[in-house]
């Protein structure tokens, strides 16, 4: 009998770890080569503002439900001792769009509702259709200063906003 017979069997763990590490390394290299050999996918083109913008004058807007779109513009603004008189035009590029307005002075957060305009036609609320743009006057009783005019749906949901200088 020899003393070697009583020795513990050799530890094979380091050799198994080395073999597993080599297999993982080969898989990573092969996987990386495969991924690089795939044809590059081109990202789907998203619409640019010029593709989604309506043709014609004014700032484009969409209704909150995204079913209709149109444009609107401030044709004239005049500050008086009582407030801001605006001449506005609203275009519809699809079906009828019911609209309204509100405003706020940029220096405050107070929402200002329009009152009866001294000029006619008063379009505090109305409907624009593709066949007929809505053009008329809106009066906001507010102090002179920079303001933001908000175009809303007939139920008061915001669709767009335009600045007015004080």
N, C-alpha and C. Protein backbone atom coordinates (compact mmCIF):
# COMPACT_ATOMS: atom_id res chain seq x y z
N UNK A 1 0.79 -1.16 0.00
CA UNK A 1 0.00 0.00 0.00
C UNK A 1 0.85 1.24 0.00
N UNK A 2 0.31 2.20 -0.68
CA UNK A 2 1.06 3.45 -0.77
C UNK A 2 0.23 4.56 -0.13
N UNK A 3 0.91 5.54 0.30
CA UNK A 3 0.25 6.67 0.95
C UNK A 3 -0.64 7.43 -0.03
N UNK A 4 -0.37 7.39 -1.30
CA UNK A 4 -1.17 8.07 -2.33
C UNK A 4 -2.58 7.53 -2.41
N UNK A 5 -2.75 6.29 -1.94
CA UNK A 5 -4.08 5.72 -1.98
C UNK A 5 -5.01 6.42 -1.00
N UNK A 6 -4.47 7.00 0.04
CA UNK A 6 -5.28 7.64 1.07
C UNK A 6 -5.46 9.15 0.81
N UNK A 7 -4.90 9.65 -0.23
CA UNK A 7 -5.03 11.09 -0.57
C UNK A 7 -6.41 11.33 -1.16
N UNK A 8 -6.99 12.55 -0.92
CA UNK A 8 -8.30 12.86 -1.50
C UNK A 8 -8.20 12.92 -3.02
N UNK A 9 -9.34 12.64 -3.69
CA UNK A 9 -9.28 12.70 -5.16
C UNK A 9 -8.98 14.13 -5.61
N UNK A 10 -8.38 14.28 -6.78
CA UNK A 10 -8.03 15.62 -7.26
C UNK A 10 -9.30 16.47 -7.49
N UNK A 11 -9.21 17.77 -7.19
CA UNK A 11 -10.34 18.72 -7.33
C UNK A 11 -10.48 19.12 -8.79
N UNK A 12 -11.61 18.81 -9.40
CA UNK A 12 -11.82 19.11 -10.81
C UNK A 12 -12.61 20.41 -11.00
N UNK A 13 -12.99 21.10 -9.95
CA UNK A 13 -13.77 22.33 -10.06
C UNK A 13 -13.06 23.39 -10.89
N UNK A 14 -11.81 23.69 -10.67
CA UNK A 14 -11.16 24.71 -11.51
C UNK A 14 -11.18 24.35 -12.99
N UNK A 15 -11.02 23.06 -13.30
CA UNK A 15 -11.04 22.68 -14.70
C UNK A 15 -12.45 22.83 -15.28
N UNK A 16 -13.51 22.50 -14.52
CA UNK A 16 -14.89 22.66 -14.99
C UNK A 16 -15.22 24.14 -15.17
N UNK A 17 -14.79 24.99 -14.26
CA UNK A 17 -15.03 26.44 -14.39
C UNK A 17 -14.35 26.97 -15.64
N UNK A 18 -13.14 26.52 -15.89
CA UNK A 18 -12.41 26.96 -17.08
C UNK A 18 -13.13 26.53 -18.35
N UNK A 19 -13.62 25.31 -18.41
CA UNK A 19 -14.32 24.81 -19.60
C UNK A 19 -15.62 25.60 -19.80
N UNK A 20 -16.40 25.84 -18.71
CA UNK A 20 -17.65 26.59 -18.83
C UNK A 20 -17.36 28.02 -19.29
N UNK A 21 -16.32 28.64 -18.75
CA UNK A 21 -15.97 30.01 -19.15
C UNK A 21 -15.60 30.06 -20.62
N UNK A 22 -14.87 29.07 -21.11
CA UNK A 22 -14.50 29.03 -22.53
C UNK A 22 -15.74 28.85 -23.41
N UNK A 23 -16.68 28.01 -22.99
CA UNK A 23 -17.91 27.80 -23.77
C UNK A 23 -18.71 29.10 -23.83
N UNK A 24 -18.84 29.80 -22.68
CA UNK A 24 -19.57 31.08 -22.65
C UNK A 24 -18.87 32.10 -23.54
N UNK A 25 -17.56 32.16 -23.49
CA UNK A 25 -16.81 33.10 -24.33
C UNK A 25 -17.05 32.82 -25.80
N UNK A 26 -17.03 31.55 -26.20
CA UNK A 26 -17.28 31.19 -27.61
C UNK A 26 -18.70 31.59 -28.00
N UNK A 27 -19.68 31.34 -27.11
CA UNK A 27 -21.07 31.71 -27.42
C UNK A 27 -21.22 33.23 -27.57
N UNK A 28 -20.55 34.00 -26.73
CA UNK A 28 -20.62 35.47 -26.84
C UNK A 28 -20.02 35.93 -28.15
N UNK A 29 -18.90 35.38 -28.52
CA UNK A 29 -18.25 35.79 -29.77
C UNK A 29 -19.11 35.41 -30.97
N UNK A 30 -19.64 34.19 -30.97
CA UNK A 30 -20.48 33.75 -32.09
C UNK A 30 -21.77 34.58 -32.13
N UNK A 31 -22.37 34.82 -30.96
CA UNK A 31 -23.60 35.63 -30.91
C UNK A 31 -23.37 37.05 -31.39
N UNK A 32 -22.26 37.65 -30.98
CA UNK A 32 -21.94 39.01 -31.43
C UNK A 32 -21.73 39.08 -32.92
N UNK A 33 -21.05 38.08 -33.46
CA UNK A 33 -20.83 38.05 -34.92
C UNK A 33 -22.16 37.90 -35.65
N UNK A 34 -23.07 37.09 -35.11
CA UNK A 34 -24.37 36.89 -35.74
C UNK A 34 -25.18 38.18 -35.74
N UNK A 35 -25.20 38.86 -34.59
CA UNK A 35 -25.96 40.10 -34.49
C UNK A 35 -25.41 41.15 -35.45
N UNK A 36 -24.09 41.24 -35.57
CA UNK A 36 -23.50 42.22 -36.49
C UNK A 36 -23.76 41.88 -37.95
N UNK A 37 -23.99 40.60 -38.24
CA UNK A 37 -24.22 40.22 -39.63
C UNK A 37 -25.66 40.45 -40.07
N UNK A 38 -26.57 40.71 -39.12
CA UNK A 38 -27.97 40.98 -39.48
C UNK A 38 -28.06 42.30 -40.23
N UNK A 39 -28.97 42.41 -41.21
CA UNK A 39 -29.12 43.69 -41.90
C UNK A 39 -29.66 44.74 -40.93
N UNK A 40 -29.17 45.95 -41.10
CA UNK A 40 -29.63 47.04 -40.23
C UNK A 40 -31.07 47.37 -40.55
N UNK A 41 -31.86 47.48 -39.50
CA UNK A 41 -33.26 47.87 -39.71
C UNK A 41 -33.34 49.38 -39.70
N UNK A 42 -34.09 49.92 -40.61
CA UNK A 42 -34.26 51.36 -40.65
C UNK A 42 -35.44 51.73 -39.78
N UNK A 43 -35.29 52.75 -38.95
CA UNK A 43 -36.42 53.12 -38.11
C UNK A 43 -37.57 53.62 -38.96
N UNK A 44 -38.78 53.33 -38.51
CA UNK A 44 -39.94 53.81 -39.25
C UNK A 44 -39.96 55.32 -39.20
N UNK A 45 -40.26 55.93 -40.31
CA UNK A 45 -40.24 57.38 -40.34
C UNK A 45 -41.47 57.91 -39.64
N UNK A 46 -41.23 58.83 -38.72
CA UNK A 46 -42.35 59.47 -38.05
C UNK A 46 -42.69 60.74 -38.83
N UNK A 47 -43.93 61.13 -38.81
CA UNK A 47 -44.30 62.31 -39.59
C UNK A 47 -43.60 63.55 -39.06
N UNK A 48 -43.16 64.36 -39.98
CA UNK A 48 -42.54 65.62 -39.61
C UNK A 48 -43.63 66.67 -39.50
N UNK A 49 -43.34 67.79 -38.81
CA UNK A 49 -44.38 68.80 -38.70
C UNK A 49 -44.95 69.23 -40.04
N UNK A 50 -44.13 69.27 -41.09
CA UNK A 50 -44.66 69.70 -42.38
C UNK A 50 -45.63 68.68 -42.96
N UNK A 51 -45.48 67.39 -42.56
CA UNK A 51 -46.40 66.38 -43.07
C UNK A 51 -47.73 66.43 -42.34
N UNK A 52 -47.71 66.81 -41.04
CA UNK A 52 -48.95 66.82 -40.28
C UNK A 52 -49.61 68.18 -40.28
N UNK A 53 -48.88 69.22 -40.61
CA UNK A 53 -49.45 70.55 -40.57
C UNK A 53 -50.45 70.74 -41.71
N UNK A 54 -51.51 71.43 -41.40
CA UNK A 54 -52.53 71.71 -42.40
C UNK A 54 -52.01 72.76 -43.37
N UNK A 55 -52.47 72.69 -44.59
CA UNK A 55 -52.09 73.69 -45.58
C UNK A 55 -52.91 74.95 -45.34
N UNK A 56 -52.31 76.08 -45.57
CA UNK A 56 -53.04 77.33 -45.43
C UNK A 56 -52.55 78.16 -44.26
N UNK A 57 -53.16 79.33 -44.08
CA UNK A 57 -52.70 80.24 -43.04
C UNK A 57 -53.13 79.79 -41.64
N UNK A 58 -52.43 80.28 -40.65
CA UNK A 58 -52.81 80.04 -39.27
C UNK A 58 -52.02 78.92 -38.61
N UNK A 59 -52.20 78.84 -37.30
CA UNK A 59 -51.53 77.82 -36.50
C UNK A 59 -52.36 76.53 -36.52
N UNK A 60 -51.76 75.40 -36.93
CA UNK A 60 -52.51 74.14 -36.95
C UNK A 60 -52.88 73.68 -35.54
N UNK A 61 -54.00 72.99 -35.41
CA UNK A 61 -54.40 72.38 -34.15
C UNK A 61 -55.19 71.12 -34.44
N UNK A 62 -55.28 70.25 -33.44
CA UNK A 62 -56.11 69.04 -33.50
C UNK A 62 -57.12 69.12 -32.37
N UNK A 63 -58.28 68.55 -32.57
CA UNK A 63 -59.24 68.45 -31.48
C UNK A 63 -58.69 67.43 -30.48
N UNK A 64 -59.09 67.49 -29.22
CA UNK A 64 -58.54 66.57 -28.22
C UNK A 64 -58.74 65.09 -28.56
N UNK A 65 -59.80 64.75 -29.28
CA UNK A 65 -60.02 63.35 -29.65
C UNK A 65 -59.29 62.98 -30.94
N UNK A 66 -58.53 63.94 -31.51
CA UNK A 66 -57.73 63.73 -32.72
C UNK A 66 -58.56 63.42 -33.96
N UNK A 67 -59.87 63.64 -33.92
CA UNK A 67 -60.72 63.33 -35.07
C UNK A 67 -60.74 64.45 -36.10
N UNK A 68 -60.54 65.68 -35.65
CA UNK A 68 -60.59 66.82 -36.56
C UNK A 68 -59.31 67.64 -36.40
N UNK A 69 -58.98 68.35 -37.44
CA UNK A 69 -57.87 69.29 -37.36
C UNK A 69 -58.24 70.55 -38.10
N UNK A 70 -57.55 71.60 -37.76
CA UNK A 70 -57.83 72.88 -38.38
C UNK A 70 -56.69 73.84 -38.14
N UNK A 71 -56.96 75.11 -38.38
CA UNK A 71 -55.97 76.18 -38.19
C UNK A 71 -56.71 77.39 -37.64
N UNK A 72 -55.99 78.22 -36.94
CA UNK A 72 -56.61 79.46 -36.48
C UNK A 72 -55.56 80.56 -36.44
N UNK A 73 -56.04 81.79 -36.53
CA UNK A 73 -55.12 82.92 -36.55
C UNK A 73 -55.78 84.15 -35.97
N UNK A 74 -54.94 85.02 -35.42
CA UNK A 74 -55.38 86.33 -34.95
C UNK A 74 -55.15 87.29 -36.11
N UNK A 75 -56.23 87.84 -36.63
CA UNK A 75 -56.13 88.77 -37.76
C UNK A 75 -55.80 90.17 -37.29
N UNK A 76 -56.31 90.56 -36.10
CA UNK A 76 -56.08 91.91 -35.58
C UNK A 76 -56.26 91.88 -34.08
N UNK A 77 -55.48 92.69 -33.38
CA UNK A 77 -55.64 92.84 -31.94
C UNK A 77 -55.57 94.32 -31.59
N UNK A 78 -56.42 94.72 -30.66
CA UNK A 78 -56.46 96.12 -30.24
C UNK A 78 -56.73 96.18 -28.74
N UNK A 79 -55.85 96.87 -28.04
CA UNK A 79 -56.04 97.08 -26.60
C UNK A 79 -56.87 98.35 -26.40
N UNK A 80 -57.87 98.26 -25.54
CA UNK A 80 -58.67 99.43 -25.18
C UNK A 80 -58.56 99.62 -23.67
N UNK A 81 -59.21 100.66 -23.15
CA UNK A 81 -59.22 100.88 -21.70
C UNK A 81 -59.94 99.74 -20.97
N UNK A 82 -60.85 99.06 -21.66
CA UNK A 82 -61.64 97.99 -21.04
C UNK A 82 -61.03 96.60 -21.22
N UNK A 83 -60.16 96.41 -22.22
CA UNK A 83 -59.59 95.09 -22.43
C UNK A 83 -59.01 94.89 -23.82
N UNK A 84 -59.03 93.64 -24.26
CA UNK A 84 -58.41 93.24 -25.52
C UNK A 84 -59.48 92.82 -26.53
N UNK A 85 -59.49 93.49 -27.67
CA UNK A 85 -60.41 93.16 -28.77
C UNK A 85 -59.62 92.42 -29.84
N UNK A 86 -60.07 91.22 -30.20
CA UNK A 86 -59.39 90.41 -31.21
C UNK A 86 -60.30 90.12 -32.37
N UNK A 87 -59.72 90.11 -33.56
CA UNK A 87 -60.41 89.57 -34.73
C UNK A 87 -59.72 88.24 -35.04
N UNK A 88 -60.50 87.16 -35.08
CA UNK A 88 -59.96 85.82 -35.23
C UNK A 88 -60.58 85.11 -36.42
N UNK A 89 -59.86 84.12 -36.94
CA UNK A 89 -60.40 83.26 -37.98
C UNK A 89 -60.04 81.82 -37.63
N UNK A 90 -61.03 80.93 -37.71
CA UNK A 90 -60.84 79.51 -37.42
C UNK A 90 -61.24 78.73 -38.66
N UNK A 91 -60.32 77.86 -39.12
CA UNK A 91 -60.55 77.02 -40.28
C UNK A 91 -60.69 75.57 -39.83
N UNK A 92 -61.53 74.81 -40.49
CA UNK A 92 -61.63 73.38 -40.26
C UNK A 92 -61.14 72.67 -41.51
N UNK A 93 -60.27 71.69 -41.33
CA UNK A 93 -59.76 70.93 -42.47
C UNK A 93 -60.50 69.62 -42.67
N UNK A 94 -61.48 69.33 -41.80
CA UNK A 94 -62.25 68.09 -41.90
C UNK A 94 -63.72 68.40 -41.70
N UNK A 95 -64.29 67.80 -40.68
CA UNK A 95 -65.69 68.06 -40.37
C UNK A 95 -65.86 69.31 -39.54
N UNK A 96 -67.07 69.56 -39.06
CA UNK A 96 -67.32 70.76 -38.26
C UNK A 96 -66.58 70.70 -36.92
N UNK A 97 -66.06 71.85 -36.49
CA UNK A 97 -65.36 71.97 -35.21
C UNK A 97 -66.06 73.06 -34.41
N UNK A 98 -66.60 72.69 -33.26
CA UNK A 98 -67.21 73.66 -32.35
C UNK A 98 -66.11 74.22 -31.46
N UNK A 99 -66.10 75.53 -31.26
CA UNK A 99 -65.00 76.15 -30.55
C UNK A 99 -65.48 77.19 -29.55
N UNK A 100 -64.55 77.60 -28.71
CA UNK A 100 -64.74 78.68 -27.76
C UNK A 100 -63.37 79.27 -27.45
N UNK A 101 -63.32 80.22 -26.53
CA UNK A 101 -62.05 80.87 -26.21
C UNK A 101 -61.97 81.16 -24.72
N UNK A 102 -60.74 81.29 -24.24
CA UNK A 102 -60.44 81.85 -22.94
C UNK A 102 -59.04 82.45 -23.06
N UNK A 103 -58.66 83.20 -22.03
CA UNK A 103 -57.35 83.85 -22.07
C UNK A 103 -56.80 83.95 -20.66
N UNK A 104 -55.53 84.27 -20.57
CA UNK A 104 -54.95 84.65 -19.30
C UNK A 104 -53.80 85.61 -19.55
N UNK A 105 -53.66 86.56 -18.61
CA UNK A 105 -52.52 87.47 -18.67
C UNK A 105 -51.29 86.66 -18.27
N UNK A 106 -50.20 86.82 -18.98
CA UNK A 106 -49.01 86.03 -18.69
C UNK A 106 -48.44 86.33 -17.31
N UNK A 107 -48.75 87.48 -16.74
CA UNK A 107 -48.26 87.85 -15.42
C UNK A 107 -49.07 87.18 -14.30
N UNK A 108 -50.23 86.63 -14.62
CA UNK A 108 -51.07 85.97 -13.61
C UNK A 108 -51.52 84.61 -14.12
N UNK A 109 -52.23 83.89 -13.28
CA UNK A 109 -52.78 82.61 -13.71
C UNK A 109 -54.30 82.66 -13.78
N UNK A 110 -54.86 83.85 -13.67
CA UNK A 110 -56.31 84.01 -13.70
C UNK A 110 -56.84 83.78 -15.12
N UNK A 111 -57.81 82.87 -15.23
CA UNK A 111 -58.44 82.59 -16.51
C UNK A 111 -59.50 83.66 -16.76
N UNK A 112 -59.50 84.21 -17.96
CA UNK A 112 -60.44 85.27 -18.34
C UNK A 112 -61.34 84.74 -19.44
N UNK A 113 -62.62 84.80 -19.21
CA UNK A 113 -63.61 84.38 -20.20
C UNK A 113 -63.99 85.60 -21.04
N UNK A 114 -64.25 85.40 -22.33
CA UNK A 114 -64.65 86.53 -23.17
C UNK A 114 -66.05 87.03 -22.80
N UNK A 115 -66.25 88.32 -23.03
CA UNK A 115 -67.57 88.91 -22.85
C UNK A 115 -68.06 89.38 -24.21
N UNK A 116 -69.25 89.90 -24.26
CA UNK A 116 -69.85 90.35 -25.51
C UNK A 116 -68.95 91.37 -26.19
N UNK A 117 -68.68 91.14 -27.45
CA UNK A 117 -67.80 92.03 -28.21
C UNK A 117 -68.57 93.24 -28.72
N UNK A 118 -67.94 94.43 -28.64
CA UNK A 118 -68.59 95.61 -29.21
C UNK A 118 -68.64 95.57 -30.75
N UNK A 119 -67.85 94.69 -31.35
CA UNK A 119 -67.86 94.54 -32.80
C UNK A 119 -68.60 93.28 -33.20
N UNK A 120 -69.01 93.26 -34.45
CA UNK A 120 -69.82 92.15 -34.93
C UNK A 120 -69.13 91.51 -36.13
N UNK A 121 -69.24 90.22 -36.33
CA UNK A 121 -69.94 89.24 -35.52
C UNK A 121 -69.11 88.81 -34.31
N UNK A 122 -69.79 88.58 -33.21
CA UNK A 122 -69.19 88.10 -31.98
C UNK A 122 -69.07 86.58 -32.10
N UNK A 123 -67.86 86.06 -31.97
CA UNK A 123 -67.68 84.60 -32.10
C UNK A 123 -67.05 84.03 -30.82
N UNK A 124 -67.59 84.40 -29.66
CA UNK A 124 -67.09 83.80 -28.42
C UNK A 124 -67.20 82.29 -28.49
N UNK A 125 -68.23 81.81 -29.15
CA UNK A 125 -68.39 80.38 -29.44
C UNK A 125 -68.89 80.29 -30.88
N UNK A 126 -68.70 79.13 -31.48
CA UNK A 126 -69.17 78.96 -32.85
C UNK A 126 -68.73 77.63 -33.41
N UNK A 127 -68.94 77.49 -34.70
CA UNK A 127 -68.56 76.27 -35.40
C UNK A 127 -67.91 76.66 -36.72
N UNK A 128 -66.76 76.04 -36.98
CA UNK A 128 -66.08 76.22 -38.27
C UNK A 128 -66.25 74.91 -39.04
N UNK A 129 -66.42 75.04 -40.34
CA UNK A 129 -66.53 73.84 -41.18
C UNK A 129 -65.62 74.02 -42.38
N UNK A 130 -65.33 72.94 -43.11
CA UNK A 130 -64.48 73.08 -44.29
C UNK A 130 -65.08 74.04 -45.32
N UNK A 131 -66.39 74.11 -45.36
CA UNK A 131 -67.04 74.98 -46.34
C UNK A 131 -67.01 76.44 -45.90
N UNK A 132 -66.91 76.68 -44.59
CA UNK A 132 -66.97 78.06 -44.12
C UNK A 132 -66.12 78.26 -42.87
N UNK A 133 -65.05 79.05 -43.02
CA UNK A 133 -64.23 79.41 -41.86
C UNK A 133 -65.04 80.37 -40.98
N UNK A 134 -64.80 80.32 -39.70
CA UNK A 134 -65.47 81.25 -38.78
C UNK A 134 -64.57 82.45 -38.57
N UNK A 135 -65.08 83.64 -38.88
CA UNK A 135 -64.32 84.87 -38.71
C UNK A 135 -65.18 85.84 -37.92
N UNK A 136 -64.57 86.46 -36.91
CA UNK A 136 -65.31 87.42 -36.12
C UNK A 136 -64.48 87.97 -34.98
N UNK A 137 -65.16 88.54 -33.99
CA UNK A 137 -64.51 89.27 -32.91
C UNK A 137 -64.75 88.60 -31.56
N UNK A 138 -63.74 88.71 -30.72
CA UNK A 138 -63.81 88.22 -29.35
C UNK A 138 -63.21 89.31 -28.45
N UNK A 139 -63.90 89.61 -27.34
CA UNK A 139 -63.43 90.64 -26.42
C UNK A 139 -63.12 90.01 -25.06
N UNK A 140 -61.93 90.32 -24.53
CA UNK A 140 -61.52 89.85 -23.21
C UNK A 140 -61.35 91.06 -22.28
N UNK A 141 -62.13 91.14 -21.20
CA UNK A 141 -61.99 92.25 -20.26
C UNK A 141 -60.77 92.01 -19.36
N UNK A 142 -59.65 92.61 -19.73
CA UNK A 142 -58.41 92.38 -18.99
C UNK A 142 -57.51 93.60 -19.10
N UNK A 143 -56.59 93.72 -18.16
CA UNK A 143 -55.61 94.81 -18.18
C UNK A 143 -54.59 94.55 -19.28
N UNK A 144 -54.09 95.65 -19.82
CA UNK A 144 -53.10 95.54 -20.90
C UNK A 144 -51.83 94.86 -20.40
N UNK A 145 -51.33 93.93 -21.20
CA UNK A 145 -50.10 93.19 -20.90
C UNK A 145 -50.02 91.97 -21.79
N UNK A 146 -48.86 91.35 -21.83
CA UNK A 146 -48.72 90.13 -22.63
C UNK A 146 -49.73 89.10 -22.16
N UNK A 147 -50.37 88.44 -23.12
CA UNK A 147 -51.43 87.49 -22.79
C UNK A 147 -51.33 86.27 -23.70
N UNK A 148 -52.04 85.22 -23.30
CA UNK A 148 -52.14 84.02 -24.10
C UNK A 148 -53.62 83.75 -24.35
N UNK A 149 -53.97 83.61 -25.62
CA UNK A 149 -55.35 83.33 -26.02
C UNK A 149 -55.44 81.83 -26.28
N UNK A 150 -56.44 81.20 -25.70
CA UNK A 150 -56.59 79.76 -25.81
C UNK A 150 -57.83 79.43 -26.63
N UNK A 151 -57.64 78.63 -27.67
CA UNK A 151 -58.74 78.09 -28.46
C UNK A 151 -59.18 76.81 -27.79
N UNK A 152 -60.47 76.71 -27.47
CA UNK A 152 -61.00 75.53 -26.79
C UNK A 152 -62.05 74.86 -27.66
N UNK A 153 -62.42 73.66 -27.25
CA UNK A 153 -63.58 73.01 -27.85
C UNK A 153 -64.82 73.72 -27.33
N UNK A 154 -65.97 73.38 -27.85
CA UNK A 154 -67.21 73.96 -27.36
C UNK A 154 -67.46 73.63 -25.90
N UNK A 155 -66.85 72.55 -25.41
CA UNK A 155 -67.00 72.16 -24.00
C UNK A 155 -65.88 72.67 -23.11
N UNK A 156 -64.94 73.45 -23.68
CA UNK A 156 -63.90 74.09 -22.88
C UNK A 156 -62.57 73.38 -22.80
N UNK A 157 -62.36 72.33 -23.58
CA UNK A 157 -61.06 71.65 -23.58
C UNK A 157 -60.10 72.37 -24.52
N UNK A 158 -58.87 72.60 -24.06
CA UNK A 158 -57.90 73.34 -24.84
C UNK A 158 -57.47 72.58 -26.09
N UNK A 159 -57.39 73.34 -27.21
CA UNK A 159 -56.89 72.78 -28.46
C UNK A 159 -55.58 73.44 -28.89
N UNK A 160 -55.44 74.75 -28.61
CA UNK A 160 -54.26 75.47 -29.07
C UNK A 160 -54.19 76.80 -28.32
N UNK A 161 -53.06 77.47 -28.45
CA UNK A 161 -52.89 78.78 -27.80
C UNK A 161 -52.00 79.67 -28.68
N UNK A 162 -52.30 80.96 -28.63
CA UNK A 162 -51.51 81.97 -29.35
C UNK A 162 -51.18 83.12 -28.42
N UNK A 163 -49.97 83.69 -28.55
CA UNK A 163 -49.62 84.83 -27.71
C UNK A 163 -50.11 86.15 -28.30
N UNK A 164 -50.33 87.12 -27.42
CA UNK A 164 -50.67 88.49 -27.81
C UNK A 164 -49.77 89.41 -26.99
N UNK A 165 -49.13 90.35 -27.64
CA UNK A 165 -48.28 91.31 -26.95
C UNK A 165 -49.12 92.41 -26.31
N UNK A 166 -48.69 92.85 -25.13
CA UNK A 166 -49.39 93.92 -24.41
C UNK A 166 -48.83 95.19 -24.79
